[in-house]
PDB file of N, CA and C in Angstrom:
ATOM      1  N   MET A   1     -11.490 -35.131 -61.090  1.00  0.00           N
ATOM      2  CA  MET A   1     -11.826 -36.490 -61.460  1.00  0.00           C
ATOM      3  C   MET A   1     -10.760 -37.476 -60.960  1.00  0.00           C
ATOM      4  N   SER A   2      -9.499 -37.080 -61.078  1.00  0.00           N
ATOM      5  CA  SER A   2      -8.443 -37.996 -60.660  1.00  0.00           C
ATOM      6  C   SER A   2      -8.460 -38.208 -59.140  1.00  0.00           C
ATOM      7  N   ARG A   3      -8.890 -37.202 -58.372  1.00  0.00           N
ATOM      8  CA  ARG A   3      -8.994 -37.374 -56.920  1.00  0.00           C
ATOM      9  C   ARG A   3     -10.038 -38.419 -56.577  1.00  0.00           C
ATOM     10  N   ILE A   4     -11.135 -38.430 -57.313  1.00  0.00           N
ATOM     11  CA  ILE A   4     -12.192 -39.412 -57.068  1.00  0.00           C
ATOM     12  C   ILE A   4     -11.674 -40.812 -57.370  1.00  0.00           C
ATOM     13  N   VAL A   5     -10.956 -40.961 -58.461  1.00  0.00           N
ATOM     14  CA  VAL A   5     -10.408 -42.264 -58.838  1.00  0.00           C
ATOM     15  C   VAL A   5      -9.375 -42.721 -57.808  1.00  0.00           C
ATOM     16  N   LEU A   6      -8.515 -41.800 -57.368  1.00  0.00           N
ATOM     17  CA  LEU A   6      -7.512 -42.139 -56.363  1.00  0.00           C
ATOM     18  C   LEU A   6      -8.164 -42.584 -55.058  1.00  0.00           C
ATOM     19  N   ARG A   7      -9.148 -41.846 -54.616  1.00  0.00           N
ATOM     20  CA  ARG A   7      -9.837 -42.221 -53.373  1.00  0.00           C
ATOM     21  C   ARG A   7     -10.563 -43.549 -53.506  1.00  0.00           C
ATOM     22  N   ALA A   8     -11.197 -43.769 -54.649  1.00  0.00           N
ATOM     23  CA  ALA A   8     -11.888 -45.042 -54.866  1.00  0.00           C
ATOM     24  C   ALA A   8     -10.899 -46.200 -54.854  1.00  0.00           C
ATOM     25  N   ALA A   9      -9.733 -46.005 -55.473  1.00  0.00           N
ATOM     26  CA  ALA A   9      -8.718 -47.060 -55.488  1.00  0.00           C
ATOM     27  C   ALA A   9      -8.206 -47.344 -54.081  1.00  0.00           C
ATOM     28  N   LEU A  10      -8.000 -46.294 -53.297  1.00  0.00           N
ATOM     29  CA  LEU A  10      -7.530 -46.490 -51.924  1.00  0.00           C
ATOM     30  C   LEU A  10      -8.576 -47.193 -51.069  1.00  0.00           C
ATOM     31  N   ILE A  11      -9.825 -46.840 -51.249  1.00  0.00           N
ATOM     32  CA  ILE A  11     -10.890 -47.492 -50.484  1.00  0.00           C
ATOM     33  C   ILE A  11     -10.984 -48.960 -50.865  1.00  0.00           C
ATOM     34  N   LEU A  12     -10.911 -49.256 -52.155  1.00  0.00           N
ATOM     35  CA  LEU A  12     -10.969 -50.655 -52.591  1.00  0.00           C
ATOM     36  C   LEU A  12      -9.770 -51.445 -52.055  1.00  0.00           C
ATOM     37  N   ALA A  13      -8.596 -50.829 -52.055  1.00  0.00           N
ATOM     38  CA  ALA A  13      -7.422 -51.513 -51.520  1.00  0.00           C
ATOM     39  C   ALA A  13      -7.572 -51.758 -50.029  1.00  0.00           C
ATOM     40  N   ALA A  14      -8.096 -50.778 -49.326  1.00  0.00           N
ATOM     41  CA  ALA A  14      -8.288 -50.934 -47.875  1.00  0.00           C
ATOM     42  C   ALA A  14      -9.281 -52.038 -47.570  1.00  0.00           C
ATOM     43  N   VAL A  15     -10.343 -52.105 -48.335  1.00  0.00           N
ATOM     44  CA  VAL A  15     -11.351 -53.153 -48.122  1.00  0.00           C
ATOM     45  C   VAL A  15     -10.770 -54.521 -48.454  1.00  0.00           C
ATOM     46  N   ALA A  16      -9.992 -54.603 -49.518  1.00  0.00           N
ATOM     47  CA  ALA A  16      -9.410 -55.886 -49.917  1.00  0.00           C
ATOM     48  C   ALA A  16      -8.397 -56.389 -48.898  1.00  0.00           C
ATOM     49  N   LEU A  17      -7.657 -55.470 -48.299  1.00  0.00           N
ATOM     50  CA  LEU A  17      -6.623 -55.863 -47.340  1.00  0.00           C
ATOM     51  C   LEU A  17      -7.122 -55.921 -45.903  1.00  0.00           C
ATOM     52  N   ALA A  18      -8.343 -55.498 -45.662  1.00  0.00           N
ATOM     53  CA  ALA A  18      -8.855 -55.432 -44.291  1.00  0.00           C
ATOM     54  C   ALA A  18      -8.892 -56.801 -43.630  1.00  0.00           C
ATOM     55  N   GLY A  19      -9.236 -57.816 -44.360  1.00  0.00           N
ATOM     56  CA  GLY A  19      -9.300 -59.150 -43.782  1.00  0.00           C
ATOM     57  C   GLY A  19      -7.927 -59.711 -43.481  1.00  0.00           C
ATOM     58  N   ALA A  20      -6.951 -59.358 -44.290  1.00  0.00           N
ATOM     59  CA  ALA A  20      -5.616 -59.917 -44.135  1.00  0.00           C
ATOM     60  C   ALA A  20      -4.766 -59.135 -43.137  1.00  0.00           C
ATOM     61  N   ALA A  21      -5.087 -57.899 -42.924  1.00  0.00           N
ATOM     62  CA  ALA A  21      -4.260 -57.064 -42.052  1.00  0.00           C
ATOM     63  C   ALA A  21      -4.534 -57.384 -40.594  1.00  0.00           C
ATOM     64  N   GLU A  22      -3.478 -57.472 -39.832  1.00  0.00           N
ATOM     65  CA  GLU A  22      -3.602 -57.649 -38.399  1.00  0.00           C
ATOM     66  C   GLU A  22      -3.315 -56.309 -37.740  1.00  0.00           C
ATOM     67  N   ALA A  23      -3.811 -56.126 -36.549  1.00  0.00           N
ATOM     68  CA  ALA A  23      -3.680 -54.841 -35.882  1.00  0.00           C
ATOM     69  C   ALA A  23      -2.252 -54.566 -35.428  1.00  0.00           C
ATOM     70  N   LYS A  24      -1.473 -55.598 -35.179  1.00  0.00           N
ATOM     71  CA  LYS A  24      -0.128 -55.390 -34.652  1.00  0.00           C
ATOM     72  C   LYS A  24       0.730 -54.648 -35.670  1.00  0.00           C
ATOM     73  N   GLY A  25       1.123 -53.467 -35.328  1.00  0.00           N
ATOM     74  CA  GLY A  25       1.939 -52.641 -36.203  1.00  0.00           C
ATOM     75  C   GLY A  25       1.127 -51.765 -37.132  1.00  0.00           C
ATOM     76  N   CYS A  26      -0.026 -52.240 -37.545  1.00  0.00           N
ATOM     77  CA  CYS A  26      -0.848 -51.507 -38.505  1.00  0.00           C
ATOM     78  C   CYS A  26      -1.433 -50.244 -37.893  1.00  0.00           C
ATOM     79  N   LEU A  27      -1.973 -50.351 -36.716  1.00  0.00           N
ATOM     80  CA  LEU A  27      -2.626 -49.187 -36.110  1.00  0.00           C
ATOM     81  C   LEU A  27      -1.628 -48.073 -35.825  1.00  0.00           C
ATOM     82  N   LYS A  28      -0.511 -48.424 -35.245  1.00  0.00           N
ATOM     83  CA  LYS A  28       0.508 -47.423 -34.939  1.00  0.00           C
ATOM     84  C   LYS A  28       1.044 -46.792 -36.227  1.00  0.00           C
ATOM     85  N   GLY A  29       1.316 -47.604 -37.222  1.00  0.00           N
ATOM     86  CA  GLY A  29       1.811 -47.097 -38.499  1.00  0.00           C
ATOM     87  C   GLY A  29       0.787 -46.239 -39.207  1.00  0.00           C
ATOM     88  N   ALA A  30      -0.487 -46.613 -39.110  1.00  0.00           N
ATOM     89  CA  ALA A  30      -1.541 -45.835 -39.760  1.00  0.00           C
ATOM     90  C   ALA A  30      -1.680 -44.458 -39.123  1.00  0.00           C
ATOM     91  N   VAL A  31      -1.550 -44.397 -37.815  1.00  0.00           N
ATOM     92  CA  VAL A  31      -1.643 -43.102 -37.133  1.00  0.00           C
ATOM     93  C   VAL A  31      -0.488 -42.209 -37.557  1.00  0.00           C
ATOM     94  N   VAL A  32       0.722 -42.745 -37.507  1.00  0.00           N
ATOM     95  CA  VAL A  32       1.896 -41.954 -37.879  1.00  0.00           C
ATOM     96  C   VAL A  32       1.835 -41.563 -39.351  1.00  0.00           C
ATOM     97  N   GLY A  33       1.496 -42.511 -40.204  1.00  0.00           N
ATOM     98  CA  GLY A  33       1.405 -42.234 -41.636  1.00  0.00           C
ATOM     99  C   GLY A  33       0.286 -41.264 -41.965  1.00  0.00           C
ATOM    100  N   GLY A  34      -0.826 -41.374 -41.260  1.00  0.00           N
ATOM    101  CA  GLY A  34      -1.943 -40.458 -41.488  1.00  0.00           C
ATOM    102  C   GLY A  34      -1.592 -39.032 -41.112  1.00  0.00           C
ATOM    103  N   ILE A  35      -0.874 -38.872 -40.010  1.00  0.00           N
ATOM    104  CA  ILE A  35      -0.465 -37.527 -39.589  1.00  0.00           C
ATOM    105  C   ILE A  35       0.543 -36.952 -40.585  1.00  0.00           C
ATOM    106  N   ALA A  36       1.520 -37.766 -40.968  1.00  0.00           N
ATOM    107  CA  ALA A  36       2.516 -37.296 -41.931  1.00  0.00           C
ATOM    108  C   ALA A  36       1.870 -37.015 -43.281  1.00  0.00           C
ATOM    109  N   GLY A  37       0.969 -37.868 -43.706  1.00  0.00           N
ATOM    110  CA  GLY A  37       0.279 -37.657 -44.980  1.00  0.00           C
ATOM    111  C   GLY A  37      -0.616 -36.445 -44.944  1.00  0.00           C
ATOM    112  N   HIS A  38      -1.247 -36.210 -43.826  1.00  0.00           N
ATOM    113  CA  HIS A  38      -2.119 -35.043 -43.684  1.00  0.00           C
ATOM    114  C   HIS A  38      -1.320 -33.751 -43.821  1.00  0.00           C
ATOM    115  N   ALA A  39      -0.102 -33.757 -43.329  1.00  0.00           N
ATOM    116  CA  ALA A  39       0.745 -32.566 -43.397  1.00  0.00           C
ATOM    117  C   ALA A  39       1.045 -32.167 -44.842  1.00  0.00           C
ATOM    118  N   VAL A  40       1.060 -33.142 -45.744  1.00  0.00           N
ATOM    119  CA  VAL A  40       1.323 -32.838 -47.153  1.00  0.00           C
ATOM    120  C   VAL A  40       0.081 -32.991 -48.020  1.00  0.00           C
ATOM    121  N   GLY A  41      -1.082 -33.196 -47.398  1.00  0.00           N
ATOM    122  CA  GLY A  41      -2.340 -33.247 -48.140  1.00  0.00           C
ATOM    123  C   GLY A  41      -2.782 -34.618 -48.609  1.00  0.00           C
ATOM    124  N   HIS A  42      -2.183 -35.677 -48.097  1.00  0.00           N
ATOM    125  CA  HIS A  42      -2.542 -37.033 -48.508  1.00  0.00           C
ATOM    126  C   HIS A  42      -2.717 -37.927 -47.285  1.00  0.00           C
ATOM    127  N   GLY A  43      -3.639 -37.570 -46.423  1.00  0.00           N
ATOM    128  CA  GLY A  43      -3.819 -38.290 -45.168  1.00  0.00           C
ATOM    129  C   GLY A  43      -4.205 -39.743 -45.335  1.00  0.00           C
ATOM    130  N   ILE A  44      -5.125 -40.024 -46.253  1.00  0.00           N
ATOM    131  CA  ILE A  44      -5.592 -41.403 -46.444  1.00  0.00           C
ATOM    132  C   ILE A  44      -4.476 -42.267 -47.010  1.00  0.00           C
ATOM    133  N   ALA A  45      -3.773 -41.757 -48.006  1.00  0.00           N
ATOM    134  CA  ALA A  45      -2.663 -42.514 -48.586  1.00  0.00           C
ATOM    135  C   ALA A  45      -1.563 -42.730 -47.544  1.00  0.00           C
ATOM    136  N   GLY A  46      -1.309 -41.722 -46.727  1.00  0.00           N
ATOM    137  CA  GLY A  46      -0.306 -41.856 -45.679  1.00  0.00           C
ATOM    138  C   GLY A  46      -0.685 -42.912 -44.655  1.00  0.00           C
ATOM    139  N   ALA A  47      -1.966 -42.949 -44.303  1.00  0.00           N
ATOM    140  CA  ALA A  47      -2.435 -43.951 -43.347  1.00  0.00           C
ATOM    141  C   ALA A  47      -2.325 -45.358 -43.926  1.00  0.00           C
ATOM    142  N   ALA A  48      -2.671 -45.515 -45.186  1.00  0.00           N
ATOM    143  CA  ALA A  48      -2.577 -46.832 -45.819  1.00  0.00           C
ATOM    144  C   ALA A  48      -1.125 -47.289 -45.905  1.00  0.00           C
ATOM    145  N   ALA A  49      -0.248 -46.396 -46.321  1.00  0.00           N
ATOM    146  CA  ALA A  49       1.166 -46.744 -46.410  1.00  0.00           C
ATOM    147  C   ALA A  49       1.749 -47.004 -45.021  1.00  0.00           C
ATOM    148  N   GLY A  50       1.358 -46.195 -44.042  1.00  0.00           N
ATOM    149  CA  GLY A  50       1.839 -46.394 -42.681  1.00  0.00           C
ATOM    150  C   GLY A  50       1.416 -47.733 -42.112  1.00  0.00           C
ATOM    151  N   CYS A  51       0.201 -48.142 -42.421  1.00  0.00           N
ATOM    152  CA  CYS A  51      -0.283 -49.447 -41.969  1.00  0.00           C
ATOM    153  C   CYS A  51       0.553 -50.565 -42.579  1.00  0.00           C
ATOM    154  N   ALA A  52       0.812 -50.467 -43.871  1.00  0.00           N
ATOM    155  CA  ALA A  52       1.597 -51.502 -44.550  1.00  0.00           C
ATOM    156  C   ALA A  52       3.018 -51.558 -43.996  1.00  0.00           C
ATOM    157  N   ILE A  53       3.628 -50.406 -43.805  1.00  0.00           N
ATOM    158  CA  ILE A  53       4.997 -50.363 -43.289  1.00  0.00           C
ATOM    159  C   ILE A  53       5.045 -50.848 -41.845  1.00  0.00           C
ATOM    160  N   GLY A  54       4.066 -50.431 -41.045  1.00  0.00           N
ATOM    161  CA  GLY A  54       4.018 -50.873 -39.651  1.00  0.00           C
ATOM    162  C   GLY A  54       3.859 -52.377 -39.536  1.00  0.00           C
ATOM    163  N   ARG A  55       3.035 -52.950 -40.378  1.00  0.00           N
ATOM    164  CA  ARG A  55       2.829 -54.402 -40.373  1.00  0.00           C
ATOM    165  C   ARG A  55       4.101 -55.123 -40.803  1.00  0.00           C
ATOM    166  N   HIS A  56       4.772 -54.565 -41.820  1.00  0.00           N
ATOM    167  CA  HIS A  56       6.019 -55.157 -42.299  1.00  0.00           C
ATOM    168  C   HIS A  56       7.075 -55.161 -41.196  1.00  0.00           C
ATOM    169  N   GLU A  57       7.198 -54.054 -40.504  1.00  0.00           N
ATOM    170  CA  GLU A  57       8.178 -53.963 -39.417  1.00  0.00           C
ATOM    171  C   GLU A  57       7.820 -54.914 -38.281  1.00  0.00           C
ATOM    172  N   ALA A  58       6.547 -55.072 -37.978  1.00  0.00           N
ATOM    173  CA  ALA A  58       6.126 -56.006 -36.928  1.00  0.00           C
ATOM    174  C   ALA A  58       6.461 -57.443 -37.331  1.00  0.00           C
ATOM    175  N   ASN A  59       6.281 -57.765 -38.600  1.00  0.00           N
ATOM    176  CA  ASN A  59       6.624 -59.111 -39.074  1.00  0.00           C
ATOM    177  C   ASN A  59       8.119 -59.359 -38.979  1.00  0.00           C
ATOM    178  N   LYS A  60       8.929 -58.356 -39.350  1.00  0.00           N
ATOM    179  CA  LYS A  60      10.379 -58.508 -39.239  1.00  0.00           C
ATOM    180  C   LYS A  60      10.787 -58.717 -37.791  1.00  0.00           C
ATOM    181  N   SER A  61      10.172 -57.963 -36.890  1.00  0.00           N
ATOM    182  CA  SER A  61      10.487 -58.083 -35.475  1.00  0.00           C
ATOM    183  C   SER A  61      10.105 -59.463 -34.939  1.00  0.00           C
ATOM    184  N   ASP A  62       8.933 -59.943 -35.315  1.00  0.00           N
ATOM    185  CA  ASP A  62       8.488 -61.268 -34.881  1.00  0.00           C
ATOM    186  C   ASP A  62       9.411 -62.364 -35.408  1.00  0.00           C
ATOM    187  N   LYS A  63       9.828 -62.225 -36.676  1.00  0.00           N
ATOM    188  CA  LYS A  63      10.702 -63.231 -37.272  1.00  0.00           C
ATOM    189  C   LYS A  63      12.055 -63.257 -36.573  1.00  0.00           C
ATOM    190  N   ALA A  64      12.617 -62.088 -36.296  1.00  0.00           N
ATOM    191  CA  ALA A  64      13.905 -62.015 -35.611  1.00  0.00           C
ATOM    192  C   ALA A  64      13.801 -62.585 -34.203  1.00  0.00           C
ATOM    193  N   LYS A  65      12.706 -62.305 -33.521  1.00  0.00           N
ATOM    194  CA  LYS A  65      12.519 -62.818 -32.159  1.00  0.00           C
ATOM    195  C   LYS A  65      12.394 -64.339 -32.163  1.00  0.00           C
ATOM    196  N   SER A  66      11.655 -64.882 -33.128  1.00  0.00           N
ATOM    197  CA  SER A  66      11.484 -66.332 -33.169  1.00  0.00           C
ATOM    198  C   SER A  66      12.794 -67.028 -33.531  1.00  0.00           C
ATOM    199  N   GLN A  67      13.616 -66.381 -34.375  1.00  0.00           N
ATOM    200  CA  GLN A  67      14.919 -66.966 -34.703  1.00  0.00           C
ATOM    201  C   GLN A  67      15.843 -66.938 -33.503  1.00  0.00           C
ATOM    202  N   ASN A  68      15.796 -65.866 -32.722  1.00  0.00           N
ATOM    203  CA  ASN A  68      16.634 -65.779 -31.523  1.00  0.00           C
ATOM    204  C   ASN A  68      16.188 -66.775 -30.468  1.00  0.00           C
ATOM    205  N   ASP A  69      14.891 -67.016 -30.368  1.00  0.00           N
ATOM    206  CA  ASP A  69      14.379 -67.989 -29.403  1.00  0.00           C
ATOM    207  C   ASP A  69      14.713 -69.403 -29.803  1.00  0.00           C
ATOM    208  N   ALA A  70      14.812 -69.662 -31.105  1.00  0.00           N
ATOM    209  CA  ALA A  70      15.059 -71.018 -31.598  1.00  0.00           C
ATOM    210  C   ALA A  70      16.523 -71.413 -31.506  1.00  0.00           C
ATOM    211  N   GLN A  71      17.434 -70.439 -31.422  1.00  0.00           N
ATOM    212  CA  GLN A  71      18.855 -70.762 -31.345  1.00  0.00           C
ATOM    213  C   GLN A  71      19.218 -71.248 -29.946  1.00  0.00           C
ATOM    214  N   PRO A  72      19.818 -72.421 -29.875  1.00  0.00           N
ATOM    215  CA  PRO A  72      20.236 -72.928 -28.555  1.00  0.00           C
ATOM    216  C   PRO A  72      21.463 -72.164 -28.048  1.00  0.00           C
ATOM    217  N   THR A  73      21.485 -71.973 -26.784  1.00  0.00           N
ATOM    218  CA  THR A  73      22.642 -71.314 -26.167  1.00  0.00           C
ATOM    219  C   THR A  73      23.622 -72.378 -25.697  1.00  0.00           C
ATOM    220  N   SER A  74      24.893 -72.162 -25.970  1.00  0.00           N
ATOM    221  CA  SER A  74      25.900 -73.131 -25.545  1.00  0.00           C
ATOM    222  C   SER A  74      26.543 -72.636 -24.239  1.00  0.00           C
ATOM    223  N   ARG A  75      26.532 -73.505 -23.253  1.00  0.00           N
ATOM    224  CA  ARG A  75      27.105 -73.152 -21.955  1.00  0.00           C
ATOM    225  C   ARG A  75      28.015 -74.246 -21.501  1.00  0.00           C
TER     226      ARG A  75
END
């Protein structure tokens, strides 16, 4: 019974976040997380977590790049 509830919660979370999630970072993270999760028996949870982590890392990278581009160079 708890597996059904867990899967239903993950599906609902995926549907709720599907509109907000962008592909950059998410797809790569989902693949890596899905493979790692599958190895321990939680492929779907691993893919969801991998997507979230991949997106977070992509956002950090974009923010750092935009800050570096905005800084004037003194010559």
